[in-house]
Amino acid sequence: MLQAPPNPTNPEQVTNSETRRLANLMELGERVQKRLAKITNGSPFEFVRCICEQLLQDHDKDRVHTFSIELSKLQKMLYEYQNEVLQLDGVGNNYKKLQNIVKDVRLVLEWVDELLVLAMVDIREVRRLYDTSELLYQKK
C-alpha cells in the first residue's frame, strides 16, 4: 500500500515520520553492533590477536585488508546513521548510543589497520612489536 509523503504543513505527520525514521536508524545501528560482535565473535581482543598470529604465520596481508575493508564499511554506515540522527534528534541519547557503537568499531578497525600498515612495510616489525607486546591491541 502506498503512503502519501509527509505533509510539511501538518506537524503531527512530520513528527510521526521522523519518529519512525529515528527508530529505524537506531535499529540499523544495533544491527551494526551485532554484526561487529559476530565478526569478532564477541571479543575484539581475541579477534585481532588471531588475525595477528595468522598474519605472522602466513604473511597474508590480503586477509587483514579484507577485515579492514569490512570494518570500514561498518564505520561508514554508522557515520551515515549518526548524521541522520543528528539532523532528526540533535546530540541526545540516540546520537550518544550510536557514538558508543562507532567507538567500538573504530577501536577494532584501528587495531586491524595497524597490523595491515606494519605488514605492508615490514612483516618483521609486526613480529618484533608482537613479541614485545607493543601492538595497540596488546596495550588495551
Protein backbone atom coordinates (compact mmCIF):
# COMPACT_ATOMS: atom_id res chain seq x y z
CA MET A 1 0.00 0.00 0.00
CA LEU A 2 1.41 3.36 -0.98
CA GLN A 3 1.64 6.01 1.66
CA ALA A 4 1.29 9.68 1.00
CA PRO A 5 4.51 11.60 1.63
CA PRO A 6 4.63 13.62 4.85
CA ASN A 7 2.80 16.90 4.62
CA PRO A 8 5.19 19.62 5.86
CA THR A 9 2.21 21.74 6.88
CA ASN A 10 0.97 19.01 9.23
CA PRO A 11 3.48 18.90 12.15
CA GLU A 12 1.97 15.74 13.61
CA GLN A 13 2.51 13.81 10.38
CA VAL A 14 6.10 15.04 10.06
CA THR A 15 6.82 14.17 13.70
CA ASN A 16 5.46 10.63 13.27
CA SER A 17 7.55 10.16 10.16
CA GLU A 18 10.65 11.47 11.92
CA THR A 19 9.98 9.27 14.95
CA ARG A 20 9.70 6.19 12.74
CA ARG A 21 12.88 7.13 10.84
CA LEU A 22 14.74 7.71 14.11
CA ALA A 23 13.64 4.32 15.46
CA ASN A 24 14.71 2.71 12.18
CA LEU A 25 18.14 4.36 12.34
CA MET A 26 18.65 3.14 15.89
CA GLU A 27 17.68 -0.38 14.86
CA LEU A 28 20.18 -0.21 11.99
CA GLY A 29 22.86 0.92 14.45
CA GLU A 30 22.07 -2.04 16.70
CA ARG A 31 22.38 -4.35 13.71
CA VAL A 32 25.85 -2.96 13.02
CA GLN A 33 26.75 -3.59 16.65
CA LYS A 34 25.54 -7.19 16.33
CA ARG A 35 27.49 -7.55 13.09
CA LEU A 36 30.65 -6.37 14.84
CA ALA A 37 30.03 -8.88 17.64
CA LYS A 38 29.58 -11.62 15.05
CA ILE A 39 32.77 -10.66 13.19
CA THR A 40 34.82 -10.54 16.40
CA ASN A 41 33.00 -13.48 17.99
CA GLY A 42 32.26 -11.22 20.94
CA SER A 43 35.90 -10.47 21.75
CA PRO A 44 37.67 -7.76 19.75
CA PHE A 45 40.96 -8.50 21.52
CA GLU A 46 40.88 -12.23 20.67
CA PHE A 47 39.75 -11.46 17.13
CA VAL A 48 42.72 -9.17 16.47
CA ARG A 49 45.10 -11.48 18.29
CA CYS A 50 44.06 -14.34 16.00
CA ILE A 51 44.43 -12.14 12.91
CA CYS A 52 47.89 -11.10 14.08
CA GLU A 53 49.04 -14.64 14.81
CA GLN A 54 47.71 -15.86 11.48
CA LEU A 55 49.47 -12.96 9.73
CA LEU A 56 52.73 -13.90 11.43
CA GLN A 57 52.34 -17.48 10.23
CA ASP A 58 51.28 -16.99 6.62
CA HIS A 59 52.19 -13.33 5.88
CA ASP A 60 48.82 -12.95 4.12
CA LYS A 61 48.18 -9.21 4.13
CA ASP A 62 45.12 -9.64 1.92
CA ARG A 63 43.23 -11.34 4.73
CA VAL A 64 43.95 -8.44 7.07
CA HIS A 65 42.99 -6.00 4.31
CA THR A 66 39.66 -7.79 3.85
CA PHE A 67 38.82 -7.32 7.53
CA SER A 68 39.88 -3.69 7.33
CA ILE A 69 37.52 -3.11 4.42
CA GLU A 70 34.64 -4.86 6.17
CA LEU A 71 35.12 -2.84 9.37
CA SER A 72 35.46 0.38 7.36
CA LYS A 73 32.09 -0.31 5.76
CA LEU A 74 30.51 -0.72 9.19
CA GLN A 75 32.07 2.54 10.31
CA LYS A 76 30.82 4.36 7.22
CA MET A 77 27.28 3.08 7.76
CA LEU A 78 27.36 4.23 11.37
CA TYR A 79 28.56 7.70 10.35
CA GLU A 80 25.63 7.95 7.92
CA TYR A 81 23.17 6.88 10.63
CA GLN A 82 24.71 9.33 13.08
CA ASN A 83 24.40 12.17 10.62
CA GLU A 84 20.72 11.47 10.11
CA VAL A 85 20.10 11.09 13.85
CA LEU A 86 21.86 14.40 14.40
CA GLN A 87 19.54 16.06 11.88
CA LEU A 88 16.41 14.49 13.37
CA ASP A 89 17.18 14.46 17.08
CA GLY A 90 20.29 16.54 17.78
CA VAL A 91 23.05 15.43 20.14
CA GLY A 92 20.90 13.42 22.50
CA ASN A 93 20.75 9.89 23.85
CA ASN A 94 20.24 8.33 20.43
CA TYR A 95 23.28 10.07 19.00
CA LYS A 96 25.35 9.04 22.01
CA LYS A 97 24.24 5.40 21.69
CA LEU A 98 25.42 5.37 18.09
CA GLN A 99 28.64 7.12 19.13
CA ASN A 100 29.40 4.26 21.53
CA ILE A 101 28.96 1.75 18.71
CA VAL A 102 31.20 3.89 16.49
CA LYS A 103 33.89 3.82 19.20
CA ASP A 104 33.76 0.03 19.35
CA VAL A 105 34.08 -0.31 15.57
CA ARG A 106 36.78 2.34 15.38
CA LEU A 107 38.85 0.61 18.06
CA VAL A 108 38.86 -2.74 16.25
CA LEU A 109 39.49 -1.02 12.92
CA GLU A 110 42.42 0.88 14.40
CA TRP A 111 43.96 -2.36 15.66
CA VAL A 112 43.47 -4.14 12.34
CA ASP A 113 44.76 -1.19 10.31
CA GLU A 114 47.89 -1.03 12.44
CA LEU A 115 48.63 -4.66 11.58
CA LEU A 116 47.97 -4.01 7.92
CA VAL A 117 50.23 -0.97 7.67
CA LEU A 118 53.05 -2.61 9.59
CA ALA A 119 52.77 -5.76 7.48
CA MET A 120 52.86 -3.75 4.27
CA VAL A 121 56.07 -2.04 5.36
CA ASP A 122 57.85 -4.95 7.03
CA ILE A 123 56.37 -8.12 8.49
CA ARG A 124 59.38 -8.38 10.79
CA GLU A 125 58.18 -5.21 12.55
CA VAL A 126 54.87 -6.92 13.28
CA ARG A 127 56.80 -9.82 14.80
CA ARG A 128 59.00 -7.51 16.89
CA LEU A 129 56.06 -5.50 18.23
CA TYR A 130 54.05 -8.65 18.86
CA ASP A 131 56.89 -10.28 20.77
CA THR A 132 57.36 -7.16 22.92
CA SER A 133 53.59 -6.63 23.41
CA GLU A 134 53.72 -3.19 21.82
CA LEU A 135 50.90 -3.54 19.32
CA LEU A 136 47.90 -1.31 20.01
CA TYR A 137 45.55 -4.19 20.76
CA GLN A 138 48.06 -5.57 23.28
CA LYS A 139 48.13 -2.27 25.17
CA LYS A 140 44.37 -2.07 25.65
